Structures are given as structure tokens and as C-alpha cells.
Amino acid sequence: MRVILYNMSWMSFNILLALIAVLFGWLMKRTKLIPLRILYTLVWFLFLPNTLYLLTDLVHLYQNMQRVGGLDIVIVAFQYLLLLLLGMITYFAAVYPVEKIAVEKMKWNRTIFILLINVLVSIGITLGRVERTNSWYFVTNLSRVLHDSIQLFTSVNLVLLTLILTLLNTVLYFILRTSLLLSQDKVVYER
């Protein structure tokens, strides 16, 4: 039971960080004021990697499963399944409104925009998972962010990890985008 409660604590916190990106993506789409849109974009950008970071928390699953037994195994498995689903949902919900702004209003090429966003998200995930850099360090400890970024870009392994994550994130986004928008079109068409 202790593992389940501990998981609820850190998972809830990480989900909250992911929801910040969703909220600010939505606010960015809704506001007309340029200074606010810039502020919302900055906050969105800093917290966006937290959405897919949730998927990397799977690294704790095996260790957690070793610490529990009986029905608790099912509960822990459900916690991680829910975490994965929320990671994908928050990622799509945070990126899609910003994609619409970039493509429709700013005339970005959709594929280039998504690829660029996923490169930046992958850098953020790598910084968070490997270097343990948090989103708020951009405000509270910028020198640490710069140091950790240099560590990332001077390590062949971390650059390769970032590129692999970029590929996986991009494929995931287009799968989610296609499946969610097709199901939305079906609902509209069937009415």
C-alpha cells in the first residue's frame, strides 16, 4: 500500500506539471493580446516536455512491481497505464492548439513545426530524465540549465537519445493527431 500511495504523490505532481502545458496552450490560443500570448508561449514551452516525460516514468514500473503483491500489483499496473494515457493525452492537448496557431495564423509548414517542437520536447525530456533539470530551473537556476544543456550537447549518447526521442515523439503525435481527428470527423459526419 505504501508504494501505491507514494506513486499517487509523485504521479499527481508530474501530471500537474503536464497540465500546465495544456492550460497555457489553450490560453495562448484564446488570447488576442500579444504580450500575454508571448508569456503564455514561454510557460507552455517550458512545461511542454512534462507531458511526454510521463511516459519515461515507466522506468519505475519494474521496481514498483517487485515491491508489491496480490491485488496491489493490479493497482500499480493501473497507475502506470493511467500515467501513460495521461502523458499522451496531455501531449496532444497541449500541442494541437498551438499547432493550429502556427499553421493557420503564422503560416508554418505543419510537418516542420511538429518536428521542431518534438526536437525541443526531446531535449527537455532528456534534460529532465538524465540531467534531472526541472522546468522551473529556467527561472530559478538558469546557470544549471546552461550547464546541463552543454552536458547534453557534448555527449554523443545523449544526442542520440534526443534524436530517438524526437523520432518516437513525432510518430506518436501524428498517430494521435490522425486517430483523434478522424474519430472527431466521424462524429461530425454521423450527425
C-alpha atoms as a PDB file:
ATOM      1  CA  MET A   1       0.000   0.000   0.000  1.00  0.00           C
ATOM      2  CA  ARG A   2       2.916   2.348   0.704  1.00  0.00           C
ATOM      3  CA  VAL A   3       4.125   2.031  -2.923  1.00  0.00           C
ATOM      4  CA  ILE A   4       0.644   2.872  -4.235  1.00  0.00           C
ATOM      5  CA  LEU A   5       0.385   5.978  -2.062  1.00  0.00           C
ATOM      6  CA  TYR A   6       3.909   7.080  -2.940  1.00  0.00           C
ATOM      7  CA  ASN A   7       3.133   6.613  -6.651  1.00  0.00           C
ATOM      8  CA  MET A   8      -0.017   8.701  -6.277  1.00  0.00           C
ATOM      9  CA  SER A   9       2.072  11.505  -4.790  1.00  0.00           C
ATOM     10  CA  TRP A  10       4.783  11.819  -7.453  1.00  0.00           C
ATOM     11  CA  MET A  11       2.481  10.860 -10.332  1.00  0.00           C
ATOM     12  CA  SER A  12      -0.016  13.553  -9.343  1.00  0.00           C
ATOM     13  CA  PHE A  13       2.745  16.146  -9.229  1.00  0.00           C
ATOM     14  CA  ASN A  14       4.092  15.147 -12.647  1.00  0.00           C
ATOM     15  CA  ILE A  15       0.575  15.146 -14.125  1.00  0.00           C
ATOM     16  CA  LEU A  16       0.038  18.631 -12.711  1.00  0.00           C
ATOM     17  CA  LEU A  17       3.209  19.812 -14.476  1.00  0.00           C
ATOM     18  CA  ALA A  18       1.903  18.322 -17.732  1.00  0.00           C
ATOM     19  CA  LEU A  19      -1.463  20.030 -17.266  1.00  0.00           C
ATOM     20  CA  ILE A  20       0.301  23.399 -17.032  1.00  0.00           C
ATOM     21  CA  ALA A  21       1.354  22.959 -20.669  1.00  0.00           C
ATOM     22  CA  VAL A  22      -2.216  22.097 -21.664  1.00  0.00           C
ATOM     23  CA  LEU A  23      -3.624  25.124 -19.840  1.00  0.00           C
ATOM     24  CA  PHE A  24      -1.137  27.558 -21.347  1.00  0.00           C
ATOM     25  CA  GLY A  25      -1.563  26.113 -24.838  1.00  0.00           C
ATOM     26  CA  TRP A  26      -5.280  26.732 -24.504  1.00  0.00           C
ATOM     27  CA  LEU A  27      -4.712  30.245 -23.092  1.00  0.00           C
ATOM     28  CA  MET A  28      -2.311  31.018 -25.921  1.00  0.00           C
ATOM     29  CA  LYS A  29      -4.971  30.086 -28.471  1.00  0.00           C
ATOM     30  CA  ARG A  30      -7.655  32.167 -26.718  1.00  0.00           C
ATOM     31  CA  THR A  31      -5.812  35.430 -26.113  1.00  0.00           C
ATOM     32  CA  LYS A  32      -5.507  38.257 -28.594  1.00  0.00           C
ATOM     33  CA  LEU A  33      -3.084  40.360 -26.539  1.00  0.00           C
ATOM     34  CA  ILE A  34       0.457  39.936 -27.869  1.00  0.00           C
ATOM     35  CA  PRO A  35       2.282  40.409 -24.500  1.00  0.00           C
ATOM     36  CA  LEU A  36       0.064  37.769 -22.880  1.00  0.00           C
ATOM     37  CA  ARG A  37       0.463  35.428 -25.837  1.00  0.00           C
ATOM     38  CA  ILE A  38       4.261  35.736 -25.510  1.00  0.00           C
ATOM     39  CA  LEU A  39       4.089  34.988 -21.776  1.00  0.00           C
ATOM     40  CA  TYR A  40       1.746  32.025 -22.332  1.00  0.00           C
ATOM     41  CA  THR A  41       4.022  30.703 -25.085  1.00  0.00           C
ATOM     42  CA  LEU A  42       7.038  30.829 -22.795  1.00  0.00           C
ATOM     43  CA  VAL A  43       5.267  28.986 -19.961  1.00  0.00           C
ATOM     44  CA  TRP A  44       3.815  26.470 -22.458  1.00  0.00           C
ATOM     45  CA  PHE A  45       7.244  25.867 -23.948  1.00  0.00           C
ATOM     46  CA  LEU A  46       8.904  25.338 -20.561  1.00  0.00           C
ATOM     47  CA  PHE A  47       6.303  22.850 -19.337  1.00  0.00           C
ATOM     48  CA  LEU A  48       5.535  21.014 -22.602  1.00  0.00           C
ATOM     49  CA  PRO A  49       8.260  18.355 -22.099  1.00  0.00           C
ATOM     50  CA  ASN A  50       6.484  17.333 -18.878  1.00  0.00           C
ATOM     51  CA  THR A  51       3.682  15.815 -20.970  1.00  0.00           C
ATOM     52  CA  LEU A  52       5.753  13.123 -22.644  1.00  0.00           C
ATOM     53  CA  TYR A  53       8.091  12.901 -19.675  1.00  0.00           C
ATOM     54  CA  LEU A  54       5.245  10.967 -18.049  1.00  0.00           C
ATOM     55  CA  LEU A  55       5.932   8.114 -20.474  1.00  0.00           C
ATOM     56  CA  THR A  56       9.538   7.886 -19.318  1.00  0.00           C
ATOM     57  CA  ASP A  57       8.352   7.231 -15.764  1.00  0.00           C
ATOM     58  CA  LEU A  58       7.810   3.642 -16.904  1.00  0.00           C
ATOM     59  CA  VAL A  59      11.402   3.096 -15.771  1.00  0.00           C
ATOM     60  CA  HIS A  60       9.992   2.768 -12.227  1.00  0.00           C
ATOM     61  CA  LEU A  61       7.391   0.111 -13.072  1.00  0.00           C
ATOM     62  CA  TYR A  62       9.549  -2.998 -12.697  1.00  0.00           C
ATOM     63  CA  GLN A  63      10.980  -1.862  -9.371  1.00  0.00           C
ATOM     64  CA  ASN A  64       7.480  -0.995  -8.107  1.00  0.00           C
ATOM     65  CA  MET A  65       6.119  -4.387  -9.168  1.00  0.00           C
ATOM     66  CA  GLN A  66       8.858  -6.091  -7.150  1.00  0.00           C
ATOM     67  CA  ARG A  67       7.729  -4.262  -4.009  1.00  0.00           C
ATOM     68  CA  VAL A  68       4.053  -5.231  -4.101  1.00  0.00           C
ATOM     69  CA  GLY A  69       1.998  -8.396  -4.235  1.00  0.00           C
ATOM     70  CA  GLY A  70      -1.562  -9.594  -4.647  1.00  0.00           C
ATOM     71  CA  LEU A  71      -4.143  -7.021  -5.732  1.00  0.00           C
ATOM     72  CA  ASP A  72      -1.591  -4.238  -5.305  1.00  0.00           C
ATOM     73  CA  ILE A  73       0.128  -5.465  -8.498  1.00  0.00           C
ATOM     74  CA  VAL A  74      -3.060  -4.719 -10.447  1.00  0.00           C
ATOM     75  CA  ILE A  75      -3.391  -1.292  -8.826  1.00  0.00           C
ATOM     76  CA  VAL A  76       0.232  -0.364  -9.593  1.00  0.00           C
ATOM     77  CA  ALA A  77      -0.170  -1.569 -13.188  1.00  0.00           C
ATOM     78  CA  PHE A  78      -3.322   0.552 -13.492  1.00  0.00           C
ATOM     79  CA  GLN A  79      -1.484   3.583 -12.086  1.00  0.00           C
ATOM     80  CA  TYR A  80       1.183   3.282 -14.770  1.00  0.00           C
ATOM     81  CA  LEU A  81      -1.363   2.660 -17.518  1.00  0.00           C
ATOM     82  CA  LEU A  82      -3.231   5.787 -16.446  1.00  0.00           C
ATOM     83  CA  LEU A  83       0.055   7.734 -16.336  1.00  0.00           C
ATOM     84  CA  LEU A  84       0.896   6.651 -19.900  1.00  0.00           C
ATOM     85  CA  LEU A  85      -2.549   7.576 -21.185  1.00  0.00           C
ATOM     86  CA  LEU A  86      -2.448  10.951 -19.469  1.00  0.00           C
ATOM     87  CA  GLY A  87       1.025  11.579 -20.890  1.00  0.00           C
ATOM     88  CA  MET A  88      -0.215  11.023 -24.430  1.00  0.00           C
ATOM     89  CA  ILE A  89      -3.453  12.950 -23.891  1.00  0.00           C
ATOM     90  CA  THR A  90      -1.773  15.962 -22.291  1.00  0.00           C
ATOM     91  CA  TYR A  91       0.883  15.970 -25.011  1.00  0.00           C
ATOM     92  CA  PHE A  92      -1.692  16.086 -27.789  1.00  0.00           C
ATOM     93  CA  ALA A  93      -3.946  18.518 -25.913  1.00  0.00           C
ATOM     94  CA  ALA A  94      -1.007  20.870 -25.337  1.00  0.00           C
ATOM     95  CA  VAL A  95       0.453  20.758 -28.848  1.00  0.00           C
ATOM     96  CA  TYR A  96      -2.644  20.699 -31.059  1.00  0.00           C
ATOM     97  CA  PRO A  97      -3.984  24.200 -30.255  1.00  0.00           C
ATOM     98  CA  VAL A  98      -0.508  25.667 -30.737  1.00  0.00           C
ATOM     99  CA  GLU A  99      -0.135  23.750 -33.997  1.00  0.00           C
ATOM    100  CA  LYS A 100      -3.358  25.382 -35.208  1.00  0.00           C
ATOM    101  CA  ILE A 101      -1.988  28.833 -34.370  1.00  0.00           C
ATOM    102  CA  ALA A 102       1.358  28.098 -36.041  1.00  0.00           C
ATOM    103  CA  VAL A 103      -0.144  26.630 -39.216  1.00  0.00           C
ATOM    104  CA  GLU A 104      -3.271  28.743 -39.677  1.00  0.00           C
ATOM    105  CA  LYS A 105      -2.193  32.142 -38.379  1.00  0.00           C
ATOM    106  CA  MET A 106       1.586  32.121 -38.710  1.00  0.00           C
ATOM    107  CA  LYS A 107       1.651  30.009 -41.915  1.00  0.00           C
ATOM    108  CA  TRP A 108       4.177  27.456 -40.649  1.00  0.00           C
ATOM    109  CA  ASN A 109       4.558  24.188 -42.501  1.00  0.00           C
ATOM    110  CA  ARG A 110       2.798  21.637 -40.252  1.00  0.00           C
ATOM    111  CA  THR A 111       5.456  18.920 -40.525  1.00  0.00           C
ATOM    112  CA  ILE A 112       8.352  21.297 -39.874  1.00  0.00           C
ATOM    113  CA  PHE A 113       6.535  22.836 -36.894  1.00  0.00           C
ATOM    114  CA  ILE A 114       5.774  19.422 -35.361  1.00  0.00           C
ATOM    115  CA  LEU A 115       9.324  18.222 -35.956  1.00  0.00           C
ATOM    116  CA  LEU A 116      10.808  21.371 -34.394  1.00  0.00           C
ATOM    117  CA  ILE A 117       8.505  21.109 -31.372  1.00  0.00           C
ATOM    118  CA  ASN A 118       9.437  17.458 -30.929  1.00  0.00           C
ATOM    119  CA  VAL A 119      13.164  18.194 -31.095  1.00  0.00           C
ATOM    120  CA  LEU A 120      12.703  20.769 -28.328  1.00  0.00           C
ATOM    121  CA  VAL A 121      10.446  18.449 -26.289  1.00  0.00           C
ATOM    122  CA  SER A 122      13.012  15.657 -26.634  1.00  0.00           C
ATOM    123  CA  ILE A 123      15.777  17.953 -25.415  1.00  0.00           C
ATOM    124  CA  GLY A 124      13.573  18.812 -22.417  1.00  0.00           C
ATOM    125  CA  ILE A 125      12.809  15.157 -21.700  1.00  0.00           C
ATOM    126  CA  THR A 126      16.493  14.236 -21.885  1.00  0.00           C
ATOM    127  CA  LEU A 127      17.435  17.137 -19.624  1.00  0.00           C
ATOM    128  CA  GLY A 128      14.737  16.098 -17.158  1.00  0.00           C
ATOM    129  CA  ARG A 129      15.293  12.335 -17.166  1.00  0.00           C
ATOM    130  CA  VAL A 130      19.099  12.232 -17.390  1.00  0.00           C
ATOM    131  CA  GLU A 131      20.334  15.570 -16.033  1.00  0.00           C
ATOM    132  CA  ARG A 132      17.370  15.961 -13.609  1.00  0.00           C
ATOM    133  CA  THR A 133      16.748  19.518 -14.851  1.00  0.00           C
ATOM    134  CA  ASN A 134      13.314  20.855 -13.907  1.00  0.00           C
ATOM    135  CA  SER A 135      11.184  23.268 -15.961  1.00  0.00           C
ATOM    136  CA  TRP A 136      11.281  25.962 -13.293  1.00  0.00           C
ATOM    137  CA  TYR A 137      15.091  25.999 -13.295  1.00  0.00           C
ATOM    138  CA  PHE A 138      14.847  28.353 -16.288  1.00  0.00           C
ATOM    139  CA  VAL A 139      13.685  30.945 -13.762  1.00  0.00           C
ATOM    140  CA  THR A 140      15.349  29.777 -10.544  1.00  0.00           C
ATOM    141  CA  ASN A 141      18.678  28.323 -11.732  1.00  0.00           C
ATOM    142  CA  LEU A 142      19.495  29.307 -15.309  1.00  0.00           C
ATOM    143  CA  SER A 143      23.194  28.529 -14.873  1.00  0.00           C
ATOM    144  CA  ARG A 144      22.272  24.916 -14.086  1.00  0.00           C
ATOM    145  CA  VAL A 145      20.122  24.733 -17.219  1.00  0.00           C
ATOM    146  CA  LEU A 146      23.001  26.034 -19.325  1.00  0.00           C
ATOM    147  CA  HIS A 147      25.454  23.600 -17.714  1.00  0.00           C
ATOM    148  CA  ASP A 148      23.088  20.651 -18.189  1.00  0.00           C
ATOM    149  CA  SER A 149      22.418  21.663 -21.795  1.00  0.00           C
ATOM    150  CA  ILE A 150      26.143  21.723 -22.521  1.00  0.00           C
ATOM    151  CA  GLN A 151      26.397  18.257 -20.959  1.00  0.00           C
ATOM    152  CA  LEU A 152      23.632  17.032 -23.254  1.00  0.00           C
ATOM    153  CA  PHE A 153      25.059  18.509 -26.464  1.00  0.00           C
ATOM    154  CA  THR A 154      28.601  17.291 -25.774  1.00  0.00           C
ATOM    155  CA  SER A 155      27.534  13.690 -25.148  1.00  0.00           C
ATOM    156  CA  VAL A 156      27.079  11.509 -28.215  1.00  0.00           C
ATOM    157  CA  ASN A 157      24.836   9.150 -26.228  1.00  0.00           C
ATOM    158  CA  LEU A 158      22.552  11.955 -25.033  1.00  0.00           C
ATOM    159  CA  VAL A 159      22.335  13.471 -28.513  1.00  0.00           C
ATOM    160  CA  LEU A 160      21.415  10.036 -29.903  1.00  0.00           C
ATOM    161  CA  LEU A 161      18.826   9.597 -27.155  1.00  0.00           C
ATOM    162  CA  THR A 162      17.372  13.001 -28.015  1.00  0.00           C
ATOM    163  CA  LEU A 163      17.184  12.091 -31.719  1.00  0.00           C
ATOM    164  CA  ILE A 164      15.497   8.750 -30.962  1.00  0.00           C
ATOM    165  CA  LEU A 165      13.003  10.503 -28.681  1.00  0.00           C
ATOM    166  CA  THR A 166      12.350  13.064 -31.427  1.00  0.00           C
ATOM    167  CA  LEU A 167      11.528  10.300 -33.886  1.00  0.00           C
ATOM    168  CA  LEU A 168       9.262   8.480 -31.405  1.00  0.00           C
ATOM    169  CA  ASN A 169       7.528  11.697 -30.288  1.00  0.00           C
ATOM    170  CA  THR A 170       6.888  12.790 -33.869  1.00  0.00           C
ATOM    171  CA  VAL A 171       5.447   9.422 -34.860  1.00  0.00           C
ATOM    172  CA  LEU A 172       3.304   9.373 -31.712  1.00  0.00           C
ATOM    173  CA  TYR A 173       1.973  12.877 -32.390  1.00  0.00           C
ATOM    174  CA  PHE A 174       0.981  12.095 -35.962  1.00  0.00           C
ATOM    175  CA  ILE A 175      -0.666   8.822 -34.874  1.00  0.00           C
ATOM    176  CA  LEU A 176      -2.621  10.635 -32.154  1.00  0.00           C
ATOM    177  CA  ARG A 177      -3.461  13.502 -34.472  1.00  0.00           C
ATOM    178  CA  THR A 178      -4.704  11.202 -37.220  1.00  0.00           C
ATOM    179  CA  SER A 179      -6.694   8.875 -34.969  1.00  0.00           C
ATOM    180  CA  LEU A 180      -8.237  11.600 -32.797  1.00  0.00           C
ATOM    181  CA  LEU A 181      -9.135  13.890 -35.673  1.00  0.00           C
ATOM    182  CA  LEU A 182     -10.532  11.025 -37.752  1.00  0.00           C
ATOM    183  CA  SER A 183     -12.736   9.933 -34.854  1.00  0.00           C
ATOM    184  CA  GLN A 184     -13.851  13.563 -34.435  1.00  0.00           C
ATOM    185  CA  ASP A 185     -14.695  13.755 -38.134  1.00  0.00           C
ATOM    186  CA  LYS A 186     -16.734  10.538 -37.862  1.00  0.00           C
ATOM    187  CA  VAL A 187     -18.781  12.007 -35.016  1.00  0.00           C
ATOM    188  CA  VAL A 188     -19.472  15.157 -37.038  1.00  0.00           C
ATOM    189  CA  TYR A 189     -20.230  13.139 -40.197  1.00  0.00           C
ATOM    190  CA  GLU A 190     -22.617  10.748 -38.444  1.00  0.00           C
ATOM    191  CA  ARG A 191     -24.736  13.558 -37.015  1.00  0.00           C
END
